[in-house]
Amino acid sequence: MDTIRVSAKSRSTAVAGAIAAVIREHRHAQVQAIGPSAVNQAMKAVAIARSYLLQDELDLAVVPTFAEVDINGQERTAVRLYIESRPLSQAPPVPHRNAHLAQVDDIDTI
């Protein structure tokens, strides 16, 4: 399984489709992004992929890590997202759609 590389110019819906396809086939995926705009696109793609996977009754769990990568002889820090699927029935009660409409009382704070 290859790493899905995301740039600042990546369309989040296209990346989400790639994540969903890899999850359906392998049950896990790895996404890599370098730079704040690329990480933003990657995170939006994960949120969108969750909605794509609802029809398969799957949810996603994400573990973010840092990795040092060499790009054209220059060392850069990348954010890698390790993504695993889990049955929707085992997912915690978090919003899937219209999360921006959730009330503060609806979400437990840590």
C-alpha atoms as a PDB file:
ATOM      1  CA  MET A   1       0.000   0.000   0.000  1.00  0.00           C
ATOM      2  CA  ASP A   2       1.412   3.369  -1.038  1.00  0.00           C
ATOM      3  CA  THR A   3       1.330   6.535   1.004  1.00  0.00           C
ATOM      4  CA  ILE A   4      -1.220   9.094  -0.187  1.00  0.00           C
ATOM      5  CA  ARG A   5       0.710  12.341  -0.564  1.00  0.00           C
ATOM      6  CA  VAL A   6      -1.206  15.583  -0.131  1.00  0.00           C
ATOM      7  CA  SER A   7      -0.087  19.046  -1.219  1.00  0.00           C
ATOM      8  CA  ALA A   8      -1.536  22.465  -0.546  1.00  0.00           C
ATOM      9  CA  LYS A   9      -3.089  22.334  -4.033  1.00  0.00           C
ATOM     10  CA  SER A  10      -4.708  18.904  -3.581  1.00  0.00           C
ATOM     11  CA  ARG A  11      -8.493  18.837  -3.846  1.00  0.00           C
ATOM     12  CA  SER A  12      -9.757  17.542  -0.499  1.00  0.00           C
ATOM     13  CA  THR A  13     -12.633  15.644  -2.165  1.00  0.00           C
ATOM     14  CA  ALA A  14     -10.216  13.819  -4.482  1.00  0.00           C
ATOM     15  CA  VAL A  15      -7.953  12.900  -1.554  1.00  0.00           C
ATOM     16  CA  ALA A  16     -11.028  11.774   0.409  1.00  0.00           C
ATOM     17  CA  GLY A  17     -12.000   9.496  -2.467  1.00  0.00           C
ATOM     18  CA  ALA A  18      -8.504   7.996  -2.484  1.00  0.00           C
ATOM     19  CA  ILE A  19      -8.598   7.470   1.284  1.00  0.00           C
ATOM     20  CA  ALA A  20     -12.024   5.800   1.091  1.00  0.00           C
ATOM     21  CA  ALA A  21     -10.893   3.519  -1.754  1.00  0.00           C
ATOM     22  CA  VAL A  22      -7.758   2.411   0.113  1.00  0.00           C
ATOM     23  CA  ILE A  23      -9.741   1.895   3.335  1.00  0.00           C
ATOM     24  CA  ARG A  24     -12.300  -0.262   1.504  1.00  0.00           C
ATOM     25  CA  GLU A  25      -9.531  -2.424   0.065  1.00  0.00           C
ATOM     26  CA  HIS A  26      -6.978  -2.594   2.895  1.00  0.00           C
ATOM     27  CA  ARG A  27      -8.875  -1.355   6.002  1.00  0.00           C
ATOM     28  CA  HIS A  28      -6.035   1.111   6.677  1.00  0.00           C
ATOM     29  CA  ALA A  29      -4.290   3.973   4.867  1.00  0.00           C
ATOM     30  CA  GLN A  30      -1.381   6.340   5.322  1.00  0.00           C
ATOM     31  CA  VAL A  31      -1.485  10.008   4.334  1.00  0.00           C
ATOM     32  CA  GLN A  32       1.492  12.375   4.284  1.00  0.00           C
ATOM     33  CA  ALA A  33       1.478  16.171   4.117  1.00  0.00           C
ATOM     34  CA  ILE A  34       4.209  18.789   4.378  1.00  0.00           C
ATOM     35  CA  GLY A  35       3.322  22.347   5.360  1.00  0.00           C
ATOM     36  CA  PRO A  36       0.300  23.844   7.074  1.00  0.00           C
ATOM     37  CA  SER A  37      -1.874  24.176   3.959  1.00  0.00           C
ATOM     38  CA  ALA A  38      -1.203  20.577   2.943  1.00  0.00           C
ATOM     39  CA  VAL A  39      -1.991  19.330   6.460  1.00  0.00           C
ATOM     40  CA  ASN A  40      -5.232  21.341   6.354  1.00  0.00           C
ATOM     41  CA  GLN A  41      -6.207  19.689   3.050  1.00  0.00           C
ATOM     42  CA  ALA A  42      -5.335  16.250   4.467  1.00  0.00           C
ATOM     43  CA  MET A  43      -7.471  16.753   7.574  1.00  0.00           C
ATOM     44  CA  LYS A  44     -10.418  18.011   5.526  1.00  0.00           C
ATOM     45  CA  ALA A  45     -10.031  14.938   3.319  1.00  0.00           C
ATOM     46  CA  VAL A  46     -10.232  12.628   6.346  1.00  0.00           C
ATOM     47  CA  ALA A  47     -13.435  14.345   7.484  1.00  0.00           C
ATOM     48  CA  ILE A  48     -14.934  14.011   4.000  1.00  0.00           C
ATOM     49  CA  ALA A  49     -13.804  10.370   3.710  1.00  0.00           C
ATOM     50  CA  ARG A  50     -15.755   9.606   6.889  1.00  0.00           C
ATOM     51  CA  SER A  51     -18.927  10.678   5.132  1.00  0.00           C
ATOM     52  CA  TYR A  52     -18.015   8.615   2.042  1.00  0.00           C
ATOM     53  CA  LEU A  53     -17.602   5.512   4.234  1.00  0.00           C
ATOM     54  CA  LEU A  54     -20.952   5.839   6.029  1.00  0.00           C
ATOM     55  CA  GLN A  55     -22.620   3.755   3.291  1.00  0.00           C
ATOM     56  CA  ASP A  56     -20.125   0.962   4.125  1.00  0.00           C
ATOM     57  CA  GLU A  57     -20.935   1.350   7.836  1.00  0.00           C
ATOM     58  CA  LEU A  58     -17.304   2.226   8.550  1.00  0.00           C
ATOM     59  CA  ASP A  59     -15.768   4.996  10.606  1.00  0.00           C
ATOM     60  CA  LEU A  60     -12.152   6.121  10.818  1.00  0.00           C
ATOM     61  CA  ALA A  61      -9.596   6.367  13.595  1.00  0.00           C
ATOM     62  CA  VAL A  62      -6.589   8.606  12.913  1.00  0.00           C
ATOM     63  CA  VAL A  63      -3.173   8.707  14.591  1.00  0.00           C
ATOM     64  CA  PRO A  64      -1.035  11.709  13.579  1.00  0.00           C
ATOM     65  CA  THR A  65       2.771  11.452  13.713  1.00  0.00           C
ATOM     66  CA  PHE A  66       5.780  13.430  12.516  1.00  0.00           C
ATOM     67  CA  ALA A  67       8.335  12.070  10.053  1.00  0.00           C
ATOM     68  CA  GLU A  68      11.558  13.477   8.665  1.00  0.00           C
ATOM     69  CA  VAL A  69      11.582  13.146   4.877  1.00  0.00           C
ATOM     70  CA  ASP A  70      14.175  14.022   2.249  1.00  0.00           C
ATOM     71  CA  ILE A  71      12.922  16.196  -0.600  1.00  0.00           C
ATOM     72  CA  ASN A  72      15.497  17.112  -3.238  1.00  0.00           C
ATOM     73  CA  GLY A  73      18.306  16.716  -0.706  1.00  0.00           C
ATOM     74  CA  GLN A  74      16.567  18.861   1.892  1.00  0.00           C
ATOM     75  CA  GLU A  75      15.210  17.401   5.120  1.00  0.00           C
ATOM     76  CA  ARG A  76      11.617  18.426   5.867  1.00  0.00           C
ATOM     77  CA  THR A  77       9.182  17.513   8.619  1.00  0.00           C
ATOM     78  CA  ALA A  78       6.023  15.833   7.376  1.00  0.00           C
ATOM     79  CA  VAL A  79       2.814  15.018   9.177  1.00  0.00           C
ATOM     80  CA  ARG A  80       1.791  11.412   8.612  1.00  0.00           C
ATOM     81  CA  LEU A  81      -1.728  10.281   9.353  1.00  0.00           C
ATOM     82  CA  TYR A  82      -2.192   6.577  10.033  1.00  0.00           C
ATOM     83  CA  ILE A  83      -5.832   5.851   9.360  1.00  0.00           C
ATOM     84  CA  GLU A  84      -7.687   2.681  10.311  1.00  0.00           C
ATOM     85  CA  SER A  85     -11.271   1.697   9.750  1.00  0.00           C
ATOM     86  CA  ARG A  86     -13.602   0.398  12.396  1.00  0.00           C
ATOM     87  CA  PRO A  87     -17.224  -0.644  12.291  1.00  0.00           C
ATOM     88  CA  LEU A  88     -19.548   2.305  12.663  1.00  0.00           C
ATOM     89  CA  SER A  89     -21.228   0.455  15.535  1.00  0.00           C
ATOM     90  CA  GLN A  90     -17.951   0.639  17.521  1.00  0.00           C
ATOM     91  CA  ALA A  91     -17.313   4.327  16.884  1.00  0.00           C
ATOM     92  CA  PRO A  92     -17.727   6.851  19.696  1.00  0.00           C
ATOM     93  CA  PRO A  93     -20.761   9.128  19.481  1.00  0.00           C
ATOM     94  CA  VAL A  94     -19.322  12.006  17.457  1.00  0.00           C
ATOM     95  CA  PRO A  95     -21.059  13.972  14.727  1.00  0.00           C
ATOM     96  CA  HIS A  96     -20.680  12.733  11.150  1.00  0.00           C
ATOM     97  CA  ARG A  97     -22.495  15.506   9.365  1.00  0.00           C
ATOM     98  CA  ASN A  98     -23.187  19.119  10.239  1.00  0.00           C
ATOM     99  CA  ALA A  99     -20.620  18.965  13.031  1.00  0.00           C
ATOM    100  CA  HIS A 100     -20.392  22.749  12.856  1.00  0.00           C
ATOM    101  CA  LEU A 101     -24.008  22.836  14.088  1.00  0.00           C
ATOM    102  CA  ALA A 102     -23.269  20.700  17.167  1.00  0.00           C
ATOM    103  CA  GLN A 103     -23.883  22.372  20.473  1.00  0.00           C
ATOM    104  CA  VAL A 104     -21.011  22.610  22.940  1.00  0.00           C
ATOM    105  CA  ASP A 105     -23.082  20.521  25.366  1.00  0.00           C
ATOM    106  CA  ASP A 106     -23.176  17.719  22.770  1.00  0.00           C
ATOM    107  CA  ILE A 107     -19.407  17.155  22.906  1.00  0.00           C
ATOM    108  CA  ASP A 108     -17.547  15.909  25.976  1.00  0.00           C
ATOM    109  CA  THR A 109     -14.495  17.948  26.882  1.00  0.00           C
ATOM    110  CA  ILE A 110     -11.245  16.446  28.013  1.00  0.00           C
END
